[in-house]
Structure formats: structure tokens, C-alpha cells
C-alpha atoms as a PDB file:
ATOM      1  CA  MET A   1     100.975 146.277  84.166  1.00  0.00           C
ATOM      2  CA  LYS A   2     104.012 144.610  85.929  1.00  0.00           C
ATOM      3  CA  ILE A   3     101.203 143.742  89.189  1.00  0.00           C
ATOM      4  CA  LYS A   4      99.091 141.801  86.171  1.00  0.00           C
ATOM      5  CA  ASN A   5     102.073 139.971  85.226  1.00  0.00           C
ATOM      6  CA  TRP A   6     102.976 138.642  89.228  1.00  0.00           C
ATOM      7  CA  ALA A   7      99.706 137.711  89.294  1.00  0.00           C
ATOM      8  CA  PHE A   8      99.186 136.267  86.597  1.00  0.00           C
ATOM      9  CA  VAL A   9     102.734 134.358  87.523  1.00  0.00           C
ATOM     10  CA  ILE A  10     101.450 133.626  90.792  1.00  0.00           C
ATOM     11  CA  ILE A  11      98.020 131.676  90.213  1.00  0.00           C
ATOM     12  CA  THR A  12      99.719 129.988  87.511  1.00  0.00           C
ATOM     13  CA  ALA A  13     102.120 128.623  89.481  1.00  0.00           C
ATOM     14  CA  PHE A  14      99.696 127.715  92.358  1.00  0.00           C
ATOM     15  CA  ILE A  15      97.159 125.782  89.386  1.00  0.00           C
ATOM     16  CA  LEU A  16     100.688 123.598  88.468  1.00  0.00           C
ATOM     17  CA  ILE A  17     101.534 122.999  92.492  1.00  0.00           C
ATOM     18  CA  VAL A  18      97.838 122.018  92.657  1.00  0.00           C
ATOM     19  CA  TYR A  19      97.421 120.069  90.119  1.00  0.00           C
ATOM     20  CA  GLY A  20     100.845 118.469  91.133  1.00  0.00           C
ATOM     21  CA  LEU A  21      99.381 117.163  93.667  1.00  0.00           C
ATOM     22  CA  ILE A  22      96.109 116.102  92.947  1.00  0.00           C
ATOM     23  CA  SER A  23      97.733 113.959  89.754  1.00  0.00           C
ATOM     24  CA  SER A  24     100.297 112.118  91.270  1.00  0.00           C
ATOM     25  CA  PRO A  25     100.046 109.242  92.472  1.00  0.00           C
ATOM     26  CA  ARG A  26     100.244 108.068  96.005  1.00  0.00           C
ATOM     27  CA  ASP A  27     103.285 105.298  96.219  1.00  0.00           C
ATOM     28  CA  GLU A  28     101.675 103.151  98.473  1.00  0.00           C
ATOM     29  CA  ILE A  29     104.206 100.563  98.354  1.00  0.00           C
ATOM     30  CA  THR A  30     106.856 102.859  99.194  1.00  0.00           C
ATOM     31  CA  SER A  31     105.174 104.744 101.813  1.00  0.00           C
ATOM     32  CA  MET A  32     104.942 100.624 103.840  1.00  0.00           C
ATOM     33  CA  LYS A  33     108.345  99.954 103.600  1.00  0.00           C
ATOM     34  CA  ASN A  34     109.687 103.063 104.621  1.00  0.00           C
ATOM     35  CA  ILE A  35     106.988 102.898 107.618  1.00  0.00           C
ATOM     36  CA  ILE A  36     108.246  99.149 108.171  1.00  0.00           C
ATOM     37  CA  SER A  37     112.184 100.175 108.037  1.00  0.00           C
ATOM     38  CA  ARG A  38     111.918 103.216 110.252  1.00  0.00           C
ATOM     39  CA  GLU A  39     109.396 100.745 113.255  1.00  0.00           C
ATOM     40  CA  LEU A  40     112.267  97.998 112.257  1.00  0.00           C
ATOM     41  CA  LYS A  41     115.630 100.316 112.521  1.00  0.00           C
ATOM     42  CA  THR A  42     116.748  98.583 109.659  1.00  0.00           C
ATOM     43  CA  LYS A  43     118.815  99.566 106.893  1.00  0.00           C
ATOM     44  CA  ASN A  44     118.015  96.757 104.875  1.00  0.00           C
ATOM     45  CA  THR A  45     115.801  96.391 101.974  1.00  0.00           C
ATOM     46  CA  VAL A  46     112.284  96.090 102.928  1.00  0.00           C
ATOM     47  CA  THR A  47     110.161  93.864 100.002  1.00  0.00           C
ATOM     48  CA  ILE A  48     106.786  93.576  99.961  1.00  0.00           C
ATOM     49  CA  ILE A  49     104.850  90.391  99.127  1.00  0.00           C
ATOM     50  CA  ASN A  50     101.630  90.621  99.138  1.00  0.00           C
ATOM     51  CA  THR A  51      98.850  93.209 101.369  1.00  0.00           C
ATOM     52  CA  ILE A  52      94.865  92.046 101.808  1.00  0.00           C
ATOM     53  CA  VAL A  53      92.964  94.643 102.361  1.00  0.00           C
ATOM     54  CA  ILE A  54      90.091  94.251 104.741  1.00  0.00           C
ATOM     55  CA  ASN A  55      88.426  97.593 104.886  1.00  0.00           C
ATOM     56  CA  ASP A  56      90.555 100.249 105.538  1.00  0.00           C
ATOM     57  CA  TYR A  57      93.201  97.920 106.915  1.00  0.00           C
ATOM     58  CA  ARG A  58      96.013  96.258 105.381  1.00  0.00           C
ATOM     59  CA  LEU A  59      97.660  93.396 106.165  1.00  0.00           C
ATOM     60  CA  THR A  60     101.145  93.401 104.688  1.00  0.00           C
ATOM     61  CA  SER A  61     103.576  90.518 104.298  1.00  0.00           C
ATOM     62  CA  TYR A  62     107.262  91.393 103.684  1.00  0.00           C
ATOM     63  CA  ALA A  63     110.413  90.515 103.564  1.00  0.00           C
ATOM     64  CA  LEU A  64     114.225  91.910 104.679  1.00  0.00           C
ATOM     65  CA  LYS A  65     116.722  91.374 102.269  1.00  0.00           C
ATOM     66  CA  ASP A  66     120.898  92.811 103.221  1.00  0.00           C
ATOM     67  CA  ALA A  67     122.994  92.384 100.073  1.00  0.00           C
ATOM     68  CA  ASP A  68     122.124  88.592  98.680  1.00  0.00           C
ATOM     69  CA  GLU A  69     120.061  87.217 101.161  1.00  0.00           C
ATOM     70  CA  TYR A  70     116.601  87.599 102.754  1.00  0.00           C
ATOM     71  CA  GLU A  71     117.108  87.879 106.652  1.00  0.00           C
ATOM     72  CA  LYS A  72     113.630  87.741 107.869  1.00  0.00           C
ATOM     73  CA  ALA A  73     110.197  87.763 106.922  1.00  0.00           C
ATOM     74  CA  GLY A  74     106.821  89.164 108.556  1.00  0.00           C
ATOM     75  CA  TYR A  75     103.231  90.662 108.891  1.00  0.00           C
ATOM     76  CA  VAL A  76     102.471  94.600 109.314  1.00  0.00           C
ATOM     77  CA  TYR A  77      98.794  95.320 110.285  1.00  0.00           C
ATOM     78  CA  PHE A  78      97.927  99.071 108.847  1.00  0.00           C
ATOM     79  CA  ARG A  79      95.099 101.373 108.998  1.00  0.00           C
ATOM     80  CA  ILE A  80      94.492 104.346 106.986  1.00  0.00           C
ATOM     81  CA  ASN A  81      93.547 106.908 108.874  1.00  0.00           C
ATOM     82  CA  ASN A  82      91.531 109.680 107.588  1.00  0.00           C
ATOM     83  CA  SER A  83      94.050 111.570 106.064  1.00  0.00           C
ATOM     84  CA  GLY A  84      94.482 108.867 103.762  1.00  0.00           C
ATOM     85  CA  ASN A  85      97.961 108.051 105.488  1.00  0.00           C
ATOM     86  CA  TYR A  86      99.063 104.347 106.208  1.00  0.00           C
ATOM     87  CA  GLU A  87      99.600 104.086 110.301  1.00  0.00           C
ATOM     88  CA  LEU A  88     101.188 101.119 111.274  1.00  0.00           C
ATOM     89  CA  ILE A  89      98.982  99.040 113.848  1.00  0.00           C
ATOM     90  CA  SER A  90     101.570  95.973 115.193  1.00  0.00           C
ATOM     91  CA  LEU A  91     104.056  94.045 113.582  1.00  0.00           C
ATOM     92  CA  ILE A  92     103.626  90.459 113.325  1.00  0.00           C
ATOM     93  CA  ASP A  93     105.885  87.669 113.482  1.00  0.00           C
ATOM     94  CA  ALA A  94     106.717  84.284 112.473  1.00  0.00           C
ATOM     95  CA  ASP A  95     104.659  81.471 115.293  1.00  0.00           C
ATOM     96  CA  ASN A  96     107.175  79.160 114.520  1.00  0.00           C
ATOM     97  CA  ILE A  97     110.927  79.665 112.552  1.00  0.00           C
ATOM     98  CA  THR A  98     112.919  76.425 111.891  1.00  0.00           C
ATOM     99  CA  GLU A  99     115.589  75.664 109.388  1.00  0.00           C
ATOM    100  CA  LYS A 100     114.542  73.447 107.500  1.00  0.00           C
ATOM    101  CA  VAL A 101     118.380  72.457 105.831  1.00  0.00           C
ATOM    102  CA  ASP A 102     121.075  74.678 105.004  1.00  0.00           C
ATOM    103  CA  ASN A 103     120.438  77.945 104.539  1.00  0.00           C
ATOM    104  CA  ILE A 104     116.639  77.187 103.987  1.00  0.00           C
ATOM    105  CA  PHE A 105     114.349  78.594 106.509  1.00  0.00           C
ATOM    106  CA  ALA A 106     110.590  77.816 107.043  1.00  0.00           C
ATOM    107  CA  TYR A 107     108.449  80.787 108.301  1.00  0.00           C
ATOM    108  CA  GLU A 108     105.004  79.974 109.949  1.00  0.00           C
ATOM    109  CA  PHE A 109     102.285  82.231 110.677  1.00  0.00           C
ATOM    110  CA  SER A 110      99.267  80.542 112.201  1.00  0.00           C
ATOM    111  CA  GLU A 111      97.355  82.635 114.478  1.00  0.00           C
ATOM    112  CA  LEU A 112      96.544  85.157 111.942  1.00  0.00           C
ATOM    113  CA  ASP A 113      92.887  84.924 112.195  1.00  0.00           C
ATOM    114  CA  GLU A 114      92.635  85.517 115.448  1.00  0.00           C
ATOM    115  CA  ASN A 115      95.691  88.624 115.624  1.00  0.00           C
ATOM    116  CA  ILE A 116      93.418  90.013 112.639  1.00  0.00           C
ATOM    117  CA  SER A 117      90.071  89.999 114.690  1.00  0.00           C
ATOM    118  CA  SER A 118      91.403  91.283 117.521  1.00  0.00           C
ATOM    119  CA  ILE A 119      92.620  93.951 116.054  1.00  0.00           C
ATOM    120  CA  ILE A 120      89.400  94.734 113.401  1.00  0.00           C
ATOM    121  CA  LYS A 121      86.516  93.574 115.885  1.00  0.00           C
ATOM    122  CA  GLU A 122      85.198  91.184 112.792  1.00  0.00           C
ATOM    123  CA  ASP A 123      85.446  87.600 112.357  1.00  0.00           C
ATOM    124  CA  TYR A 124      87.899  87.570 109.191  1.00  0.00           C
ATOM    125  CA  SER A 125      89.829  84.252 108.214  1.00  0.00           C
ATOM    126  CA  VAL A 126      93.354  85.118 105.983  1.00  0.00           C
ATOM    127  CA  GLY A 127      94.032  80.854 107.665  1.00  0.00           C
ATOM    128  CA  LYS A 128      97.808  80.493 107.965  1.00  0.00           C
ATOM    129  CA  SER A 129     100.895  81.048 105.760  1.00  0.00           C
ATOM    130  CA  SER A 130     103.780  79.877 105.592  1.00  0.00           C
ATOM    131  CA  PHE A 131     107.402  81.575 103.715  1.00  0.00           C
ATOM    132  CA  ILE A 132     110.521  79.458 103.125  1.00  0.00           C
ATOM    133  CA  ILE A 133     113.319  82.202 102.777  1.00  0.00           C
ATOM    134  CA  SER A 134     116.397  80.340 100.523  1.00  0.00           C
ATOM    135  CA  ASN A 135     119.650  81.921 100.961  1.00  0.00           C
ATOM    136  CA  ASN A 136     120.525  78.257  99.403  1.00  0.00           C
ATOM    137  CA  SER A 137     122.267  78.593  95.564  1.00  0.00           C
ATOM    138  CA  GLN A 138     120.964  74.783  94.969  1.00  0.00           C
ATOM    139  CA  LEU A 139     117.702  75.032  95.865  1.00  0.00           C
ATOM    140  CA  ALA A 140     115.192  74.571  92.140  1.00  0.00           C
ATOM    141  CA  LYS A 141     112.035  72.991  93.711  1.00  0.00           C
ATOM    142  CA  ILE A 142     109.689  72.532  96.395  1.00  0.00           C
ATOM    143  CA  GLU A 143     107.174  69.804  97.527  1.00  0.00           C
ATOM    144  CA  ARG A 144     105.243  70.442 100.137  1.00  0.00           C
ATOM    145  CA  ILE A 145     102.915  67.217 100.816  1.00  0.00           C
ATOM    146  CA  ILE A 146      99.996  67.491 103.355  1.00  0.00           C
ATOM    147  CA  ASP A 147      99.080  64.418 105.681  1.00  0.00           C
ATOM    148  CA  ASN A 148      95.633  64.714 102.925  1.00  0.00           C
ATOM    149  CA  GLY A 149      97.836  63.464 100.384  1.00  0.00           C
ATOM    150  CA  GLU A 150      98.100  66.632  98.553  1.00  0.00           C
ATOM    151  CA  ILE A 151     101.665  67.811  96.791  1.00  0.00           C
ATOM    152  CA  GLN A 152     101.853  71.569  96.024  1.00  0.00           C
ATOM    153  CA  THR A 153     105.592  71.895  94.101  1.00  0.00           C
ATOM    154  CA  LYS A 154     106.822  75.233  93.559  1.00  0.00           C
ATOM    155  CA  ILE A 155     109.687  76.130  91.026  1.00  0.00           C
ATOM    156  CA  ILE A 156     112.588  78.127  92.537  1.00  0.00           C
ATOM    157  CA  ASP A 157     113.716  80.274  89.292  1.00  0.00           C
ATOM    158  CA  ASN A 158     116.783  82.481  90.990  1.00  0.00           C
ATOM    159  CA  ASN A 159     118.490  82.200  94.538  1.00  0.00           C
ATOM    160  CA  PRO A 160     118.228  84.154  97.357  1.00  0.00           C
ATOM    161  CA  SER A 161     114.364  83.443  97.112  1.00  0.00           C
ATOM    162  CA  ILE A 162     111.384  83.866  99.072  1.00  0.00           C
ATOM    163  CA  THR A 163     108.548  81.528  98.603  1.00  0.00           C
ATOM    164  CA  PHE A 164     105.008  81.838  99.543  1.00  0.00           C
ATOM    165  CA  PHE A 165     102.534  78.503 100.629  1.00  0.00           C
ATOM    166  CA  ARG A 166      98.770  79.332 101.907  1.00  0.00           C
ATOM    167  CA  ASP A 167      97.543  76.856 104.647  1.00  0.00           C
ATOM    168  CA  LEU A 168      94.737  74.639 103.999  1.00  0.00           C
ATOM    169  CA  GLU A 169      91.746  74.939 106.655  1.00  0.00           C
ATOM    170  CA  GLY A 170      92.139  72.157 109.300  1.00  0.00           C
ATOM    171  CA  GLU A 171      94.354  70.750 111.150  1.00  0.00           C
ATOM    172  CA  ASN A 172      97.018  69.671 108.120  1.00  0.00           C
ATOM    173  CA  THR A 173     100.883  68.490 108.547  1.00  0.00           C
ATOM    174  CA  GLU A 174     103.095  69.466 105.711  1.00  0.00           C
ATOM    175  CA  GLU A 175     106.360  68.324 104.978  1.00  0.00           C
ATOM    176  CA  TYR A 176     108.512  70.247 102.739  1.00  0.00           C
ATOM    177  CA  ILE A 177     111.119  68.678 100.171  1.00  0.00           C
ATOM    178  CA  PHE A 178     113.495  70.529  98.827  1.00  0.00           C
ATOM    179  CA  TYR A 179     115.306  69.602  95.163  1.00  0.00           C
ATOM    180  CA  ASP A 180     118.604  71.066  93.695  1.00  0.00           C
ATOM    181  CA  LYS A 181     118.924  71.968  89.747  1.00  0.00           C
ATOM    182  CA  LYS A 182     119.740  68.223  88.905  1.00  0.00           C
ATOM    183  CA  GLY A 183     116.410  67.046  90.842  1.00  0.00           C
ATOM    184  CA  SER A 184     118.051  65.566  93.937  1.00  0.00           C
ATOM    185  CA  VAL A 185     116.848  65.868  97.640  1.00  0.00           C
ATOM    186  CA  ILE A 186     118.703  69.026  99.318  1.00  0.00           C
ATOM    187  CA  LYS A 187     119.434  67.614 102.782  1.00  0.00           C
END
């Protein structure tokens, strides 16, 4: 009788463990954050901004935050291996980082297409992208004026902030204008 009880307990425990493993969702965001933190050797908070899925690859944009300030933005290429785990292929830093005004930085990524095509061996167009990182408590609005006359506006509700702009196709130039809470231009 005791052997049957032990067998029942062991089988029940095994079933519960297998059920728990199968039914628990994989936390992909946490996995990506941990890999990025390890690779950058940082204790700063990693914030995942966006992920683009390309077959078994992931192009993920991230920002690092230390206390109440953003420190950096970048991209990471991941590949999902046969076990379903993420493998880091490459970290991509900005092609250009510019301090536009006091404590507001523009991170420009213009060579993403070349990097993606070289890794996945396919032509894939992501286009250029820009991140505006603001640790300026007065920032309330960003206008991006493109040389064709188009104006794109982003409202900033709280700071520090990170704002994403996807660039248009072609060789466009752009200008950023930053406004404070009163509507005045920040210089």
C-alpha cells in the first residue's frame, strides 16, 4: 500500500512539473533584457522599445536608463536557436549621436539595412531610424521638419523620455525643433 502511495505522489509531482513547464509562457522581453545587460556589462535598466521579426531573427531596439536619466540607445540582433532561446548576434550602436540642445540627444541609425542584409543574407528594408533621448525636464514637444516640407510632431508627456522617429525613404535631411511646456523653443 505504501509503494502505491509513493508512486502516486511521484507521478503527480512529475505531471505537475511537466504541466508547469509547458504552460508557463516564456518571458521573451526579460530574456532579451538579461542578454543585453550581460553583453554590455551594465547594471542600468534595459528598456525594450521595439522588436522587428525577420524569420528566426529579431531586431530589437533598446535604451539604458540609470536612475532618472536615459544613458544610451541602440539595436541588438538576436537569432532564435533550435531550442527556442535567443542568441545575440550583434550590438549596433548609433552611426551618429548629437546633443541637439541641453540634455537632449539624437541617436541616428542609418545603416540598419546593410547590417540586416549581411546577417540574414536577404534584402530587407528597415530604413533609417532616430531616437531622441531627453533628460531635459522642460521638453514638451518635438517637431521634425523634413526637407520636403513635411512636419512630424511628437508630444512628450513626461521626462526623461525616449522618442522614436522612422525616417522616410530617400536622402532626406531633417531638422528637430524642441518646445518647452509654454510652447517656447528650447535653445
